[in-house]
Structure formats: C-alpha cells, structure tokens
Amino acid sequence: MLSVTHRLEGQDISIEIRVGDIFSIEGAFIISANTAFETDMLDGPVSPESLQGQFTNKYYDKVEYLKQELTDALIAEEFVLDGEKPERKESYEIGKVIKVSPRGQVAYFVAIDELREYGGIESSLDNVREGLGSLWYYIGVQGTLKPLVVPVLGTGHSGIPISREQMIIEIITSFIAACTEKKFCEKLTIIISENDYRQHDVNLEELGTYLRLYAREVHRKAHDLIAPIDEPI
C-alpha cells in the first residue's frame, strides 16, 4: 500500500495521504458538487466518471433518488434557518455543504463548481479554499468524529489549473489550520487515485515531508501562543 501518515502533535488526529480507491476507505466521503447541486449525468453537467457520478452509481439505484435526497436536505436546512418552508433554490453559494447518507454511507457534498452558461462546470482555487473552510465549519457543527475521506478536489472535471500535489498541500494546510480551533475527526485520509498517481508523477515522499514539517510548525506556533510568560522578579 502506498501511503504516508502523520499524527498531529498534542492531538489524537492522524492525516494520511494514500494511493487507492476512495470507495475502499472507511469514513465519510467528501464530494465536490456544483452550486445548483445538479445531478443529471445524461444531458447535465455531471460526468459519470466524476466522483459524484461514481458515488451516484454505487449508492443509488436511480439518479433521481440522489436528487430527491439533496432537495430534502436543502429544504430542511433552509426551513431551520428561516422558520418557514422554502422551495429549493436554483443555485446556492460557493461553500454550501449538504450531508447525505445512502445505505448508511455518509457523504458531504460541498459546492465548489459553478455551472457555465452553455453547459459544463468550472471552478477555481479560491472556490476550493472557500469550500474547505465551509466544510470544516459544517462538520464541526453538524458532523461527528467519523473518519473523513477526501479526494484531490478540483483537479479533474472542475479543471482547476494546478497540480495534484499543490491541491493536496491546500487540503493539508486548510485542515491543520482548522484543527487548531476544533476537532472534526480522528483521521483524515486524502486519497489519490492510482491513475492520477501514475499519470501525474505525484511524489508521495515529498508530500509526507511537507505534512510533517507544516504540522510541526503549526503546533510550535500554537504552543508559543499559550506558553506561560515568566514575570520579572
């Protein structure tokens, strides 16, 4: 198994970067979505080969079942916020997060993609950063300590023009920063597909080094902030 793991100092939280199949990992999946939470894989913007498409085919008998579950969750959340039953919106803000649980498998859909006027989707690094921030907040409020499994967001059908390695660094940085405020889970697994690992020459060793060094630096700064200051005699 190709993987590197580091435990955050002073916290019972592990971060693993692993090459493999996301659906073979135990935990709640993080799935990128579009701001309309569109699910159509025939004439719509969702590719059957995307993670959302694969997740739909694996856990739902029909695409319509996912669409209905997302609709119910979106409406229920708006009802809680507004105090009256609204209708589903045509579009939501970047960073909107919704949880679904088909067949007992928890997944958090986070909106990082925008629909193009003439079809397809597009995203940006800023969208991913905003989405990750919203995701950690949502899980901190409404989630559990269940392990989290996240793919290399935005580098496939979303078309964000950065390397897989850089996106993994973005995920690591965002998660560790969030963990200084709250514990979301005991383990985060960042999963790299075997195809991406081979095709894009992802350097797992360098990513492991970055993970260890950045985690230690954040821990050191946090420790310096809370360390007692000796009073003068």
C-alpha atoms as a PDB file:
ATOM      1  CA  MET A   1       0.000   0.000   0.000  1.00  0.00           C
ATOM      2  CA  LEU A   2       1.360   3.431  -0.973  1.00  0.00           C
ATOM      3  CA  SER A   3       0.708   5.890   1.844  1.00  0.00           C
ATOM      4  CA  VAL A   4       2.239   8.302   4.343  1.00  0.00           C
ATOM      5  CA  THR A   5       0.716   9.150   7.710  1.00  0.00           C
ATOM      6  CA  HIS A   6       1.405  11.756  10.366  1.00  0.00           C
ATOM      7  CA  ARG A   7      -0.252  12.261  13.764  1.00  0.00           C
ATOM      8  CA  LEU A   8      -0.730  15.870  14.841  1.00  0.00           C
ATOM      9  CA  GLU A   9       1.298  16.589  17.967  1.00  0.00           C
ATOM     10  CA  GLY A  10      -0.833  17.082  21.066  1.00  0.00           C
ATOM     11  CA  GLN A  11      -3.998  15.870  19.275  1.00  0.00           C
ATOM     12  CA  ASP A  12      -5.491  12.465  18.576  1.00  0.00           C
ATOM     13  CA  ILE A  13      -5.763  13.290  14.881  1.00  0.00           C
ATOM     14  CA  SER A  14      -3.980  11.497  12.043  1.00  0.00           C
ATOM     15  CA  ILE A  15      -3.616  12.652   8.444  1.00  0.00           C
ATOM     16  CA  GLU A  16      -2.925  10.025   5.811  1.00  0.00           C
ATOM     17  CA  ILE A  17      -2.138  10.535   2.130  1.00  0.00           C
ATOM     18  CA  ARG A  18      -2.930   7.294   0.314  1.00  0.00           C
ATOM     19  CA  VAL A  19      -2.970   5.992  -3.239  1.00  0.00           C
ATOM     20  CA  GLY A  20      -6.030   3.858  -3.942  1.00  0.00           C
ATOM     21  CA  ASP A  21      -9.787   3.678  -4.405  1.00  0.00           C
ATOM     22  CA  ILE A  22     -11.772   6.134  -2.310  1.00  0.00           C
ATOM     23  CA  PHE A  23     -14.650   3.697  -2.001  1.00  0.00           C
ATOM     24  CA  SER A  24     -12.414   1.161  -0.277  1.00  0.00           C
ATOM     25  CA  ILE A  25     -11.681   3.528   2.614  1.00  0.00           C
ATOM     26  CA  GLU A  26     -13.862   3.587   5.720  1.00  0.00           C
ATOM     27  CA  GLY A  27     -15.202   7.015   6.615  1.00  0.00           C
ATOM     28  CA  ALA A  28     -17.398   9.862   5.437  1.00  0.00           C
ATOM     29  CA  PHE A  29     -16.672  10.902   1.856  1.00  0.00           C
ATOM     30  CA  ILE A  30     -16.106  14.498   0.752  1.00  0.00           C
ATOM     31  CA  ILE A  31     -17.597  15.045  -2.703  1.00  0.00           C
ATOM     32  CA  SER A  32     -17.360  18.208  -4.782  1.00  0.00           C
ATOM     33  CA  ALA A  33     -20.651  19.482  -6.190  1.00  0.00           C
ATOM     34  CA  ASN A  34     -21.910  22.357  -8.300  1.00  0.00           C
ATOM     35  CA  THR A  35     -23.735  25.321  -6.795  1.00  0.00           C
ATOM     36  CA  ALA A  36     -27.065  24.099  -8.223  1.00  0.00           C
ATOM     37  CA  PHE A  37     -26.475  20.628  -6.756  1.00  0.00           C
ATOM     38  CA  GLU A  38     -27.354  19.348 -10.215  1.00  0.00           C
ATOM     39  CA  THR A  39     -27.270  15.541 -10.511  1.00  0.00           C
ATOM     40  CA  ASP A  40     -28.077  14.860 -14.191  1.00  0.00           C
ATOM     41  CA  MET A  41     -25.454  12.621 -15.800  1.00  0.00           C
ATOM     42  CA  LEU A  42     -27.117  12.283 -19.215  1.00  0.00           C
ATOM     43  CA  ASP A  43     -27.580  15.812 -20.515  1.00  0.00           C
ATOM     44  CA  GLY A  44     -26.429  17.675 -17.425  1.00  0.00           C
ATOM     45  CA  PRO A  45     -23.058  18.821 -16.102  1.00  0.00           C
ATOM     46  CA  VAL A  46     -22.178  15.754 -14.016  1.00  0.00           C
ATOM     47  CA  SER A  47     -19.854  13.286 -15.685  1.00  0.00           C
ATOM     48  CA  PRO A  48     -20.416   9.606 -14.851  1.00  0.00           C
ATOM     49  CA  GLU A  49     -16.631   9.391 -14.461  1.00  0.00           C
ATOM     50  CA  SER A  50     -16.506  12.161 -11.855  1.00  0.00           C
ATOM     51  CA  LEU A  51     -16.517  11.233  -8.167  1.00  0.00           C
ATOM     52  CA  GLN A  52     -20.113  12.429  -7.867  1.00  0.00           C
ATOM     53  CA  GLY A  53     -21.043  10.241 -10.835  1.00  0.00           C
ATOM     54  CA  GLN A  54     -19.271   7.198  -9.409  1.00  0.00           C
ATOM     55  CA  PHE A  55     -20.803   7.778  -5.978  1.00  0.00           C
ATOM     56  CA  THR A  56     -24.273   8.067  -7.522  1.00  0.00           C
ATOM     57  CA  ASN A  57     -23.938   4.835  -9.475  1.00  0.00           C
ATOM     58  CA  LYS A  58     -22.563   2.960  -6.459  1.00  0.00           C
ATOM     59  CA  TYR A  59     -25.039   4.059  -3.793  1.00  0.00           C
ATOM     60  CA  TYR A  60     -28.256   4.952  -5.644  1.00  0.00           C
ATOM     61  CA  ASP A  61     -30.457   2.831  -7.882  1.00  0.00           C
ATOM     62  CA  LYS A  62     -31.520   5.962  -9.762  1.00  0.00           C
ATOM     63  CA  VAL A  63     -30.056   9.447 -10.119  1.00  0.00           C
ATOM     64  CA  GLU A  64     -33.456  10.800  -9.112  1.00  0.00           C
ATOM     65  CA  TYR A  65     -33.030   9.321  -5.627  1.00  0.00           C
ATOM     66  CA  LEU A  66     -29.897  11.381  -5.017  1.00  0.00           C
ATOM     67  CA  LYS A  67     -31.592  14.480  -6.405  1.00  0.00           C
ATOM     68  CA  GLN A  68     -34.531  13.990  -4.034  1.00  0.00           C
ATOM     69  CA  GLU A  69     -32.275  13.398  -1.021  1.00  0.00           C
ATOM     70  CA  LEU A  70     -30.301  16.544  -1.780  1.00  0.00           C
ATOM     71  CA  THR A  71     -33.522  18.521  -2.289  1.00  0.00           C
ATOM     72  CA  ASP A  72     -34.968  17.316   1.008  1.00  0.00           C
ATOM     73  CA  ALA A  73     -31.761  18.190   2.856  1.00  0.00           C
ATOM     74  CA  LEU A  74     -31.515  21.646   1.268  1.00  0.00           C
ATOM     75  CA  ILE A  75     -35.139  22.472   2.048  1.00  0.00           C
ATOM     76  CA  ALA A  76     -34.898  21.138   5.595  1.00  0.00           C
ATOM     77  CA  GLU A  77     -31.837  23.276   6.279  1.00  0.00           C
ATOM     78  CA  GLU A  78     -33.457  26.422   4.858  1.00  0.00           C
ATOM     79  CA  PHE A  79     -36.540  25.746   6.988  1.00  0.00           C
ATOM     80  CA  VAL A  80     -34.391  25.638  10.117  1.00  0.00           C
ATOM     81  CA  LEU A  81     -32.679  28.880   9.161  1.00  0.00           C
ATOM     82  CA  ASP A  82     -35.744  30.854   8.014  1.00  0.00           C
ATOM     83  CA  GLY A  83     -38.526  29.359  10.130  1.00  0.00           C
ATOM     84  CA  GLU A  84     -40.775  28.696   7.153  1.00  0.00           C
ATOM     85  CA  LYS A  85     -40.719  26.007   4.484  1.00  0.00           C
ATOM     86  CA  PRO A  86     -38.979  27.357   1.376  1.00  0.00           C
ATOM     87  CA  GLU A  87     -38.565  25.888  -2.065  1.00  0.00           C
ATOM     88  CA  ARG A  88     -35.281  24.606  -3.393  1.00  0.00           C
ATOM     89  CA  LYS A  89     -33.208  27.423  -4.871  1.00  0.00           C
ATOM     90  CA  GLU A  90     -31.872  27.339  -8.418  1.00  0.00           C
ATOM     91  CA  SER A  91     -28.370  27.983  -7.103  1.00  0.00           C
ATOM     92  CA  TYR A  92     -26.519  28.199  -3.789  1.00  0.00           C
ATOM     93  CA  GLU A  93     -23.360  29.937  -2.681  1.00  0.00           C
ATOM     94  CA  ILE A  94     -19.871  28.528  -3.096  1.00  0.00           C
ATOM     95  CA  GLY A  95     -19.100  26.502   0.016  1.00  0.00           C
ATOM     96  CA  LYS A  96     -22.644  25.278   0.607  1.00  0.00           C
ATOM     97  CA  VAL A  97     -22.452  21.863   2.304  1.00  0.00           C
ATOM     98  CA  ILE A  98     -25.127  19.162   2.439  1.00  0.00           C
ATOM     99  CA  LYS A  99     -24.925  15.706   4.036  1.00  0.00           C
ATOM    100  CA  VAL A 100     -26.487  12.583   2.540  1.00  0.00           C
ATOM    101  CA  SER A 101     -26.440   9.034   3.901  1.00  0.00           C
ATOM    102  CA  PRO A 102     -27.387   6.438   1.264  1.00  0.00           C
ATOM    103  CA  ARG A 103     -27.242   2.860   2.550  1.00  0.00           C
ATOM    104  CA  GLY A 104     -25.542   4.081   5.704  1.00  0.00           C
ATOM    105  CA  GLN A 105     -22.648   5.724   3.847  1.00  0.00           C
ATOM    106  CA  VAL A 106     -22.229   9.341   4.957  1.00  0.00           C
ATOM    107  CA  ALA A 107     -21.085  11.836   2.328  1.00  0.00           C
ATOM    108  CA  TYR A 108     -20.683  15.603   2.494  1.00  0.00           C
ATOM    109  CA  PHE A 109     -21.400  17.386  -0.792  1.00  0.00           C
ATOM    110  CA  VAL A 110     -19.591  20.731  -0.935  1.00  0.00           C
ATOM    111  CA  ALA A 111     -20.279  23.245  -3.701  1.00  0.00           C
ATOM    112  CA  ILE A 112     -17.036  24.337  -5.365  1.00  0.00           C
ATOM    113  CA  ASP A 113     -18.125  24.217  -9.025  1.00  0.00           C
ATOM    114  CA  GLU A 114     -20.121  26.811 -10.948  1.00  0.00           C
ATOM    115  CA  LEU A 115     -22.268  25.980 -13.960  1.00  0.00           C
ATOM    116  CA  ARG A 116     -21.194  27.502 -17.270  1.00  0.00           C
ATOM    117  CA  GLU A 117     -23.808  29.354 -19.279  1.00  0.00           C
ATOM    118  CA  TYR A 118     -23.586  26.913 -22.166  1.00  0.00           C
ATOM    119  CA  GLY A 119     -23.030  23.722 -20.202  1.00  0.00           C
ATOM    120  CA  GLY A 120     -20.300  22.121 -18.145  1.00  0.00           C
ATOM    121  CA  ILE A 121     -18.705  23.323 -14.939  1.00  0.00           C
ATOM    122  CA  GLU A 122     -15.780  25.446 -13.869  1.00  0.00           C
ATOM    123  CA  SER A 123     -14.075  26.148 -10.585  1.00  0.00           C
ATOM    124  CA  SER A 124     -11.076  27.925  -9.076  1.00  0.00           C
ATOM    125  CA  LEU A 125      -8.567  27.564  -6.272  1.00  0.00           C
ATOM    126  CA  ASP A 126     -10.416  30.299  -4.349  1.00  0.00           C
ATOM    127  CA  ASN A 127     -13.615  28.240  -4.641  1.00  0.00           C
ATOM    128  CA  VAL A 128     -11.869  25.219  -3.162  1.00  0.00           C
ATOM    129  CA  ARG A 129     -10.397  27.240  -0.310  1.00  0.00           C
ATOM    130  CA  GLU A 130     -13.796  28.712   0.497  1.00  0.00           C
ATOM    131  CA  GLY A 131     -15.416  25.305   0.179  1.00  0.00           C
ATOM    132  CA  LEU A 132     -12.939  23.660   2.538  1.00  0.00           C
ATOM    133  CA  GLY A 133     -13.411  26.372   5.144  1.00  0.00           C
ATOM    134  CA  SER A 134     -17.192  25.941   4.994  1.00  0.00           C
ATOM    135  CA  LEU A 135     -16.825  22.168   5.076  1.00  0.00           C
ATOM    136  CA  TRP A 136     -14.778  22.095   8.303  1.00  0.00           C
ATOM    137  CA  TYR A 137     -17.224  24.507   9.927  1.00  0.00           C
ATOM    138  CA  TYR A 138     -20.240  22.429   8.857  1.00  0.00           C
ATOM    139  CA  ILE A 139     -18.721  19.187  10.121  1.00  0.00           C
ATOM    140  CA  GLY A 140     -17.740  20.882  13.363  1.00  0.00           C
ATOM    141  CA  VAL A 141     -21.352  21.924  13.947  1.00  0.00           C
ATOM    142  CA  GLN A 142     -23.368  19.089  12.397  1.00  0.00           C
ATOM    143  CA  GLY A 143     -20.937  16.229  11.914  1.00  0.00           C
ATOM    144  CA  THR A 144     -19.424  13.542  14.099  1.00  0.00           C
ATOM    145  CA  LEU A 145     -15.884  12.334  14.782  1.00  0.00           C
ATOM    146  CA  LYS A 146     -16.253   9.807  11.981  1.00  0.00           C
ATOM    147  CA  PRO A 147     -13.092   9.494   9.823  1.00  0.00           C
ATOM    148  CA  LEU A 148     -13.113  11.731   6.747  1.00  0.00           C
ATOM    149  CA  VAL A 149     -12.025  10.717   3.255  1.00  0.00           C
ATOM    150  CA  VAL A 150     -11.315  13.445   0.711  1.00  0.00           C
ATOM    151  CA  PRO A 151     -10.172  13.166  -2.927  1.00  0.00           C
ATOM    152  CA  VAL A 152      -7.842  15.619  -4.636  1.00  0.00           C
ATOM    153  CA  LEU A 153     -10.582  18.194  -5.154  1.00  0.00           C
ATOM    154  CA  GLY A 154     -10.926  20.306  -8.278  1.00  0.00           C
ATOM    155  CA  THR A 155      -8.163  18.747 -10.367  1.00  0.00           C
ATOM    156  CA  GLY A 156     -10.360  16.519 -12.530  1.00  0.00           C
ATOM    157  CA  HIS A 157     -13.578  17.646 -14.212  1.00  0.00           C
ATOM    158  CA  SER A 158     -13.526  21.004 -12.372  1.00  0.00           C
ATOM    159  CA  GLY A 159     -10.443  21.895 -14.376  1.00  0.00           C
ATOM    160  CA  ILE A 160      -8.520  23.945 -11.823  1.00  0.00           C
ATOM    161  CA  PRO A 161      -5.078  24.519 -13.386  1.00  0.00           C
ATOM    162  CA  ILE A 162      -2.819  23.438 -10.519  1.00  0.00           C
ATOM    163  CA  SER A 163      -1.004  20.183  -9.855  1.00  0.00           C
ATOM    164  CA  ARG A 164      -2.373  17.333  -7.766  1.00  0.00           C
ATOM    165  CA  GLU A 165       0.478  17.864  -5.309  1.00  0.00           C
ATOM    166  CA  GLN A 166      -0.370  21.544  -4.856  1.00  0.00           C
ATOM    167  CA  MET A 167      -4.037  20.738  -4.247  1.00  0.00           C
ATOM    168  CA  ILE A 168      -3.088  18.126  -1.646  1.00  0.00           C
ATOM    169  CA  ILE A 169      -0.993  20.781   0.085  1.00  0.00           C
ATOM    170  CA  GLU A 170      -4.018  23.115   0.051  1.00  0.00           C
ATOM    171  CA  ILE A 171      -6.156  20.434   1.724  1.00  0.00           C
ATOM    172  CA  ILE A 172      -3.479  19.681   4.334  1.00  0.00           C
ATOM    173  CA  THR A 173      -2.976  23.368   5.119  1.00  0.00           C
ATOM    174  CA  SER A 174      -6.700  24.070   5.424  1.00  0.00           C
ATOM    175  CA  PHE A 175      -7.401  21.041   7.616  1.00  0.00           C
ATOM    176  CA  ILE A 176      -4.495  21.552  10.024  1.00  0.00           C
ATOM    177  CA  ALA A 177      -5.385  25.228  10.416  1.00  0.00           C
ATOM    178  CA  ALA A 178      -8.988  24.291  11.202  1.00  0.00           C
ATOM    179  CA  CYS A 179      -7.828  21.681  13.734  1.00  0.00           C
ATOM    180  CA  THR A 180      -6.235  24.426  15.835  1.00  0.00           C
ATOM    181  CA  GLU A 181      -9.788  25.603  16.587  1.00  0.00           C
ATOM    182  CA  LYS A 182     -11.762  22.344  16.804  1.00  0.00           C
ATOM    183  CA  LYS A 183     -11.508  18.577  16.446  1.00  0.00           C
ATOM    184  CA  PHE A 184     -13.537  17.288  13.481  1.00  0.00           C
ATOM    185  CA  CYS A 185     -12.406  13.687  13.308  1.00  0.00           C
ATOM    186  CA  GLU A 186      -9.677  11.342  14.472  1.00  0.00           C
ATOM    187  CA  LYS A 187      -8.421  10.705  10.958  1.00  0.00           C
ATOM    188  CA  LEU A 188      -8.415  12.456   7.590  1.00  0.00           C
ATOM    189  CA  THR A 189      -7.435  10.399   4.552  1.00  0.00           C
ATOM    190  CA  ILE A 190      -6.517  12.258   1.374  1.00  0.00           C
ATOM    191  CA  ILE A 191      -6.946   9.754  -1.422  1.00  0.00           C
ATOM    192  CA  ILE A 192      -5.077   9.865  -4.738  1.00  0.00           C
ATOM    193  CA  SER A 193      -6.443   7.651  -7.484  1.00  0.00           C
ATOM    194  CA  GLU A 194      -3.993   5.120  -8.886  1.00  0.00           C
ATOM    195  CA  ASN A 195      -4.392   6.660 -12.345  1.00  0.00           C
ATOM    196  CA  ASP A 196      -3.530  10.151 -11.085  1.00  0.00           C
ATOM    197  CA  TYR A 197      -0.570   8.813  -9.119  1.00  0.00           C
ATOM    198  CA  ARG A 198       0.917   7.179 -12.211  1.00  0.00           C
ATOM    199  CA  GLN A 199      -0.055   9.752 -14.828  1.00  0.00           C
ATOM    200  CA  HIS A 200       0.944  12.876 -12.909  1.00  0.00           C
ATOM    201  CA  ASP A 201       4.044  11.584 -11.094  1.00  0.00           C
ATOM    202  CA  VAL A 202       2.757  12.524  -7.634  1.00  0.00           C
ATOM    203  CA  ASN A 203       5.692  12.498  -5.179  1.00  0.00           C
ATOM    204  CA  LEU A 204       4.314  10.874  -2.041  1.00  0.00           C
ATOM    205  CA  GLU A 205       7.587  11.227  -0.137  1.00  0.00           C
ATOM    206  CA  GLU A 206       7.736  14.995  -0.655  1.00  0.00           C
ATOM    207  CA  LEU A 207       4.092  15.350   0.364  1.00  0.00           C
ATOM    208  CA  GLY A 208       4.810  13.363   3.530  1.00  0.00           C
ATOM    209  CA  THR A 209       7.722  15.660   4.332  1.00  0.00           C
ATOM    210  CA  TYR A 210       5.556  18.745   3.839  1.00  0.00           C
ATOM    211  CA  LEU A 211       2.822  17.232   6.025  1.00  0.00           C
ATOM    212  CA  ARG A 212       5.217  16.561   8.908  1.00  0.00           C
ATOM    213  CA  LEU A 213       7.025  19.899   8.723  1.00  0.00           C
ATOM    214  CA  TYR A 214       3.885  22.022   8.356  1.00  0.00           C
ATOM    215  CA  ALA A 215       2.087  20.185  11.178  1.00  0.00           C
ATOM    216  CA  ARG A 216       5.071  20.693  13.500  1.00  0.00           C
ATOM    217  CA  GLU A 217       5.317  24.385  12.592  1.00  0.00           C
ATOM    218  CA  VAL A 218       1.620  24.962  13.349  1.00  0.00           C
ATOM    219  CA  HIS A 219       1.977  23.053  16.625  1.00  0.00           C
ATOM    220  CA  ARG A 220       5.039  25.112  17.590  1.00  0.00           C
ATOM    221  CA  LYS A 221       3.268  28.416  16.911  1.00  0.00           C
ATOM    222  CA  ALA A 222       0.183  27.297  18.843  1.00  0.00           C
ATOM    223  CA  HIS A 223       2.374  26.196  21.759  1.00  0.00           C
ATOM    224  CA  ASP A 224       4.198  29.558  21.778  1.00  0.00           C
ATOM    225  CA  LEU A 225       0.886  31.388  21.984  1.00  0.00           C
ATOM    226  CA  ILE A 226      -0.298  29.501  25.068  1.00  0.00           C
ATOM    227  CA  ALA A 227       3.066  29.093  26.815  1.00  0.00           C
ATOM    228  CA  PRO A 228       3.228  30.998  30.137  1.00  0.00           C
ATOM    229  CA  ILE A 229       5.283  34.185  30.219  1.00  0.00           C
ATOM    230  CA  ASP A 230       7.702  34.401  33.134  1.00  0.00           C
ATOM    231  CA  GLU A 231       7.040  37.502  35.181  1.00  0.00           C
ATOM    232  CA  PRO A 232      10.071  39.576  36.216  1.00  0.00           C
ATOM    233  CA  ILE A 233      11.187  39.117  39.821  1.00  0.00           C
END
